[in-house]
């Protein structure tokens, strides 16, 4: 084994001596280092990190089997690693798609900063209005990762995001109140969408099917989900499989803006204290005095869909 290591070191030294070009190689290493750092930032906080660690462990075992002449282990790993490129593409397809979409959007932004800010404000206003009426809701905001493969699309809407539209969709009289409203490219793309449920068993006590659906979609994608609980009227934000509970309107606005701007990549910490802002959603007499017909007496008595529980 020692002789084998010595031979490898000699071959490496000979290769470096023959092929080393300081300027070219420094540039080459710098580009690769930046690319690796960017990829690590991209997958941080996702399940891709766990998959990557597993692949690194397999490669380490493969090298160890070569050094210690473990023929059977080496044979099995060689059969597996021969298809490594295909395996990586399959396992990381969502992350690869998200990376390419992020690069493309850098050159061709689909939603301007002003449009995005207005869209988030309408989502905050709608969540606040529904919370006051104890009406459950589920808003899914698509980011870099496309959601078409993960979401069972309901009824196409393709309308501008507005507080009036979002609140109307989730009133019990609406045929689209069960399910989620999907927001893509700054517009309400569809409503009544069915989301995959998480298999987690360690969710906070008291969360219902809406929260399980929100966690499920954010485990598989980089989407941000706003949940309004029907039972408690609490507003939550879900991202990366994590739930941030009990947000008021300023905190929700602050959190969504930080997430969409890239300043906040996870929900492991609560939002910083936010002074109450003066905005049309919070202060206008029209908002304080408007009424939404009480829909509870007309609730359907039949079985509810998987999204109707808060």
Protein backbone atom coordinates (compact mmCIF):
# COMPACT_ATOMS: atom_id res chain seq x y z
CA UNK A 1 0.00 0.00 0.00
CA UNK A 2 2.84 2.39 0.87
CA UNK A 3 4.50 1.66 -2.45
CA UNK A 4 1.26 2.41 -4.26
CA UNK A 5 0.90 5.74 -2.45
CA UNK A 6 4.49 6.64 -3.29
CA UNK A 7 3.89 5.85 -6.96
CA UNK A 8 0.80 8.05 -6.99
CA UNK A 9 2.70 10.94 -5.42
CA UNK A 10 5.51 10.59 -7.96
CA UNK A 11 3.04 10.59 -10.84
CA UNK A 12 1.32 13.67 -9.42
CA UNK A 13 4.62 15.52 -8.98
CA UNK A 14 5.67 14.68 -12.53
CA UNK A 15 2.31 15.83 -13.90
CA UNK A 16 2.46 19.16 -12.02
CA UNK A 17 6.06 19.81 -13.10
CA UNK A 18 5.23 19.13 -16.75
CA UNK A 19 1.90 20.96 -17.04
CA UNK A 20 2.00 23.79 -14.49
CA UNK A 21 1.43 27.30 -15.88
CA UNK A 22 1.01 29.80 -13.00
CA UNK A 23 -1.24 32.39 -14.70
CA UNK A 24 -3.47 29.90 -16.49
CA UNK A 25 -3.80 27.50 -13.56
CA UNK A 26 -4.52 30.24 -11.00
CA UNK A 27 -7.31 31.56 -13.23
CA UNK A 28 -8.62 28.03 -13.74
CA UNK A 29 -8.63 27.29 -10.00
CA UNK A 30 -10.28 30.63 -9.20
CA UNK A 31 -13.13 29.98 -11.66
CA UNK A 32 -13.71 26.48 -10.27
CA UNK A 33 -13.61 27.77 -6.67
CA UNK A 34 -16.20 30.47 -7.43
CA UNK A 35 -18.41 27.90 -9.18
CA UNK A 36 -18.21 25.48 -6.24
CA UNK A 37 -18.96 28.29 -3.77
CA UNK A 38 -21.98 29.39 -5.84
CA UNK A 39 -23.30 25.82 -6.00
CA UNK A 40 -22.91 25.43 -2.23
CA UNK A 41 -24.86 28.66 -1.68
CA UNK A 42 -27.53 27.40 -4.05
CA UNK A 43 -28.08 24.07 -2.29
CA UNK A 44 -27.59 25.32 1.27
CA UNK A 45 -30.57 24.43 3.41
CA UNK A 46 -32.00 21.93 0.91
CA UNK A 47 -32.05 18.15 0.87
CA UNK A 48 -29.48 18.26 -1.92
CA UNK A 49 -26.83 18.78 0.77
CA UNK A 50 -27.62 15.40 2.32
CA UNK A 51 -27.48 13.71 -1.10
CA UNK A 52 -24.14 15.40 -1.82
CA UNK A 53 -22.71 14.19 1.49
CA UNK A 54 -23.84 10.66 0.64
CA UNK A 55 -22.06 10.79 -2.73
CA UNK A 56 -18.88 12.06 -1.10
CA UNK A 57 -19.00 9.16 1.37
CA UNK A 58 -19.35 6.68 -1.51
CA UNK A 59 -16.36 8.21 -3.31
CA UNK A 60 -14.31 8.04 -0.12
CA UNK A 61 -15.20 4.37 0.37
CA UNK A 62 -14.28 3.73 -3.26
CA UNK A 63 -10.82 5.24 -2.80
CA UNK A 64 -10.33 3.31 0.44
CA UNK A 65 -11.29 0.03 -1.26
CA UNK A 66 -8.71 0.72 -3.95
CA UNK A 67 -5.96 1.43 -1.41
CA UNK A 68 -6.74 -1.61 0.74
CA UNK A 69 -7.46 -3.94 -2.22
CA UNK A 70 -11.06 -4.66 -1.19
CA UNK A 71 -11.98 -6.25 -4.50
CA UNK A 72 -15.65 -7.03 -3.81
CA UNK A 73 -16.42 -3.56 -2.46
CA UNK A 74 -14.52 -2.00 -5.34
CA UNK A 75 -16.45 -4.06 -7.91
CA UNK A 76 -19.83 -3.06 -6.47
CA UNK A 77 -18.90 0.62 -6.24
CA UNK A 78 -17.47 0.64 -9.76
CA UNK A 79 -20.79 -0.62 -11.11
CA UNK A 80 -22.58 2.16 -9.25
CA UNK A 81 -20.13 4.97 -10.01
CA UNK A 82 -20.00 4.21 -13.74
CA UNK A 83 -23.38 5.93 -14.02
CA UNK A 84 -22.41 8.79 -11.69
CA UNK A 85 -23.16 11.55 -14.22
CA UNK A 86 -26.65 10.19 -14.90
CA UNK A 87 -27.28 9.68 -11.18
CA UNK A 88 -26.26 13.27 -10.40
CA UNK A 89 -28.56 14.64 -13.12
CA UNK A 90 -31.52 12.61 -11.78
CA UNK A 91 -30.93 13.42 -8.11
CA UNK A 92 -30.19 17.10 -8.63
CA UNK A 93 -32.59 17.84 -11.49
CA UNK A 94 -34.57 20.41 -9.51
CA UNK A 95 -31.41 22.16 -8.30
CA UNK A 96 -29.90 22.17 -11.79
CA UNK A 97 -33.12 23.63 -13.18
CA UNK A 98 -33.16 26.25 -10.46
CA UNK A 99 -29.52 27.20 -11.13
CA UNK A 100 -30.10 27.58 -14.87
CA UNK A 101 -33.27 29.58 -14.23
CA UNK A 102 -31.39 31.88 -11.85
CA UNK A 103 -28.69 32.50 -14.46
CA UNK A 104 -31.32 33.14 -17.14
CA UNK A 105 -33.32 35.49 -14.96
CA UNK A 106 -30.15 37.46 -14.27
CA UNK A 107 -30.13 38.41 -17.96
CA UNK A 108 -33.88 38.43 -18.57
CA UNK A 109 -35.70 39.32 -15.34
CA UNK A 110 -39.35 38.31 -15.62
CA UNK A 111 -40.71 40.43 -12.79
CA UNK A 112 -39.42 43.90 -11.98
CA UNK A 113 -38.62 44.91 -8.43
CA UNK A 114 -41.61 47.25 -8.38
CA UNK A 115 -43.99 44.54 -9.61
CA UNK A 116 -42.62 42.08 -7.07
CA UNK A 117 -43.03 44.58 -4.23
CA UNK A 118 -46.62 45.27 -5.28
CA UNK A 119 -47.36 41.55 -5.54
CA UNK A 120 -46.01 40.89 -2.04
CA UNK A 121 -48.04 43.80 -0.65
CA UNK A 122 -51.24 42.35 -2.10
CA UNK A 123 -50.43 38.93 -0.60
CA UNK A 124 -49.87 40.53 2.82
CA UNK A 125 -53.13 42.46 2.62
CA UNK A 126 -55.07 39.35 1.56
CA UNK A 127 -53.55 37.24 4.35
CA UNK A 128 -54.41 39.91 6.89
CA UNK A 129 -58.00 40.22 5.68
CA UNK A 130 -58.57 36.45 5.67
CA UNK A 131 -56.97 36.09 9.10
CA UNK A 132 -59.42 38.60 10.54
CA UNK A 133 -62.31 36.49 9.26
CA UNK A 134 -60.81 33.12 10.32
CA UNK A 135 -60.77 31.99 6.69
CA UNK A 136 -58.04 29.48 5.79
CA UNK A 137 -55.77 30.17 2.82
CA UNK A 138 -52.67 28.87 1.09
CA UNK A 139 -50.60 31.12 -1.21
CA UNK A 140 -47.68 29.46 -3.04
CA UNK A 141 -45.15 31.88 -4.55
CA UNK A 142 -42.94 30.30 -7.20
CA UNK A 143 -39.29 31.34 -7.29
CA UNK A 144 -36.52 29.79 -9.43
CA UNK A 145 -37.77 26.20 -9.36
CA UNK A 146 -40.77 25.50 -11.56
CA UNK A 147 -43.73 23.99 -9.71
CA UNK A 148 -45.56 22.31 -12.57
CA UNK A 149 -43.99 18.90 -11.81
CA UNK A 150 -44.76 19.10 -8.09
CA UNK A 151 -48.23 20.67 -8.00
CA UNK A 152 -51.48 19.20 -9.27
CA UNK A 153 -52.65 22.29 -11.12
CA UNK A 154 -56.24 23.27 -10.45
CA UNK A 155 -58.23 25.87 -12.39
CA UNK A 156 -56.22 28.33 -14.53
CA UNK A 157 -56.75 31.96 -13.50
CA UNK A 158 -53.94 34.03 -15.06
CA UNK A 159 -54.85 37.30 -13.36
CA UNK A 160 -53.00 40.12 -11.66
CA UNK A 161 -52.33 39.58 -7.97
CA UNK A 162 -54.73 41.62 -5.88
CA UNK A 163 -56.08 41.44 -2.38
CA UNK A 164 -59.65 41.33 -3.64
CA UNK A 165 -59.00 38.36 -5.94
CA UNK A 166 -57.08 36.36 -3.34
CA UNK A 167 -59.68 36.86 -0.62
CA UNK A 168 -62.49 35.97 -3.02
CA UNK A 169 -60.79 32.71 -4.02
CA UNK A 170 -60.74 31.43 -0.44
CA UNK A 171 -64.26 32.31 0.72
CA UNK A 172 -66.25 29.13 1.28
CA UNK A 173 -68.78 30.13 -1.38
CA UNK A 174 -66.01 29.97 -3.97
CA UNK A 175 -65.62 26.59 -5.71
CA UNK A 176 -61.85 27.16 -5.63
CA UNK A 177 -61.47 27.70 -1.88
CA UNK A 178 -60.03 24.21 -1.32
CA UNK A 179 -56.43 23.94 -2.37
CA UNK A 180 -53.75 26.54 -2.96
CA UNK A 181 -53.44 29.65 -5.08
CA UNK A 182 -50.31 29.46 -7.24
CA UNK A 183 -48.48 32.72 -7.98
CA UNK A 184 -46.05 32.56 -10.92
CA UNK A 185 -44.17 35.44 -12.55
CA UNK A 186 -46.05 37.98 -10.46
CA UNK A 187 -49.53 36.72 -11.45
CA UNK A 188 -52.11 34.35 -9.99
CA UNK A 189 -51.59 31.45 -12.38
CA UNK A 190 -54.15 29.01 -10.97
CA UNK A 191 -56.28 28.21 -7.92
CA UNK A 192 -57.53 25.06 -6.26
CA UNK A 193 -54.09 23.45 -6.66
CA UNK A 194 -53.26 20.29 -4.70
CA UNK A 195 -49.83 20.14 -3.06
CA UNK A 196 -47.81 17.10 -1.95
CA UNK A 197 -48.04 16.42 1.80
CA UNK A 198 -44.90 16.14 3.88
CA UNK A 199 -44.05 12.87 5.59
CA UNK A 200 -42.46 14.65 8.56
CA UNK A 201 -43.63 13.54 11.99
CA UNK A 202 -41.95 16.29 14.02
CA UNK A 203 -44.08 19.23 12.94
CA UNK A 204 -45.19 21.71 15.63
CA UNK A 205 -48.25 20.70 17.58
CA UNK A 206 -51.54 21.98 16.24
CA UNK A 207 -50.62 22.35 12.56
CA UNK A 208 -53.12 20.95 10.09
CA UNK A 209 -53.22 19.69 6.55
CA UNK A 210 -52.63 23.13 5.04
CA UNK A 211 -49.34 23.41 6.88
CA UNK A 212 -48.38 19.84 5.95
CA UNK A 213 -49.02 20.68 2.30
CA UNK A 214 -46.97 23.87 2.60
CA UNK A 215 -44.05 21.99 4.15
CA UNK A 216 -44.34 19.28 1.50
CA UNK A 217 -44.00 21.63 -1.48
CA UNK A 218 -41.15 23.60 0.11
CA UNK A 219 -39.19 20.41 0.84
CA UNK A 220 -39.05 19.70 -2.89
CA UNK A 221 -38.73 23.25 -4.27
CA UNK A 222 -37.55 26.73 -3.29
CA UNK A 223 -41.11 28.08 -3.22
CA UNK A 224 -42.35 30.35 -0.43
CA UNK A 225 -45.77 29.59 1.02
CA UNK A 226 -48.02 31.84 3.10
CA UNK A 227 -50.53 29.93 5.23
CA UNK A 228 -53.56 31.36 7.04
CA UNK A 229 -54.96 28.95 9.60
CA UNK A 230 -58.73 28.56 9.61
CA UNK A 231 -58.88 27.45 13.26
CA UNK A 232 -56.47 29.95 14.89
CA UNK A 233 -56.33 32.69 12.20
CA UNK A 234 -52.54 32.63 12.62
CA UNK A 235 -50.41 33.64 9.62
CA UNK A 236 -47.33 31.55 8.85
CA UNK A 237 -44.55 31.52 6.28
CA UNK A 238 -43.10 28.20 5.12
CA UNK A 239 -39.81 27.80 3.25
CA UNK A 240 -37.32 24.96 2.99
CA UNK A 241 -39.56 22.70 5.07
CA UNK A 242 -39.49 25.15 8.00
CA UNK A 243 -42.46 27.02 9.47
CA UNK A 244 -42.42 30.53 10.93
CA UNK A 245 -45.57 30.99 13.02
CA UNK A 246 -47.69 33.83 14.37
CA UNK A 247 -46.70 36.69 12.06
CA UNK A 248 -48.51 40.01 11.95
CA UNK A 249 -48.73 42.06 8.75
CA UNK A 250 -45.47 44.06 9.19
CA UNK A 251 -43.52 40.92 10.10
CA UNK A 252 -45.00 39.03 7.14
CA UNK A 253 -44.15 41.88 4.79
CA UNK A 254 -40.60 42.14 6.17
CA UNK A 255 -40.03 38.37 5.94
CA UNK A 256 -41.34 38.02 2.39
CA UNK A 257 -39.27 40.95 1.15
CA UNK A 258 -36.10 39.55 2.73
CA UNK A 259 -36.73 36.11 1.25
CA UNK A 260 -37.53 37.35 -2.26
CA UNK A 261 -34.53 39.69 -2.27
CA UNK A 262 -32.21 36.88 -1.16
CA UNK A 263 -31.33 38.46 2.20
CA UNK A 264 -32.95 35.60 4.12
CA UNK A 265 -32.26 32.01 3.06
CA UNK A 266 -33.91 30.09 5.87
CA UNK A 267 -36.49 30.45 8.64
CA UNK A 268 -34.31 29.19 11.47
CA UNK A 269 -34.55 32.57 13.19
CA UNK A 270 -37.65 34.71 13.74
CA UNK A 271 -37.89 38.02 11.87
CA UNK A 272 -36.29 40.97 13.60
CA UNK A 273 -38.57 43.39 15.37
CA UNK A 274 -40.35 45.45 12.77
CA UNK A 275 -41.93 48.77 13.60
CA UNK A 276 -45.47 48.97 12.42
CA UNK A 277 -45.56 50.60 9.02
CA UNK A 278 -48.25 52.93 7.83
CA UNK A 279 -49.75 51.34 4.74
CA UNK A 280 -53.10 51.11 2.98
CA UNK A 281 -53.43 47.55 4.22
CA UNK A 282 -53.29 48.56 7.86
CA UNK A 283 -54.52 52.11 8.26
CA UNK A 284 -57.15 53.15 5.71
CA UNK A 285 -60.74 53.52 6.94
CA UNK A 286 -61.92 51.47 3.95
CA UNK A 287 -59.84 48.49 5.10
CA UNK A 288 -61.03 48.79 8.68
CA UNK A 289 -64.68 49.12 7.76
CA UNK A 290 -64.98 46.70 4.87
CA UNK A 291 -66.94 43.54 5.55
CA UNK A 292 -66.85 40.10 4.06
CA UNK A 293 -70.10 38.13 4.16
CA UNK A 294 -70.01 35.52 6.88
CA UNK A 295 -69.68 32.28 5.00
CA UNK A 296 -69.65 29.85 7.92
CA UNK A 297 -73.37 28.96 7.99
CA UNK A 298 -73.16 27.98 4.32
CA UNK A 299 -70.19 25.67 4.70
CA UNK A 300 -70.53 22.38 2.82
CA UNK A 301 -71.09 19.43 5.12
CA UNK A 302 -69.52 16.80 2.86
CA UNK A 303 -65.94 15.51 3.08
CA UNK A 304 -63.33 18.22 2.84
CA UNK A 305 -60.35 17.98 0.51
CA UNK A 306 -56.82 17.48 1.78
CA UNK A 307 -56.21 21.23 1.76
CA UNK A 308 -59.23 22.40 3.74
CA UNK A 309 -57.82 21.87 7.21
CA UNK A 310 -55.69 24.62 8.72
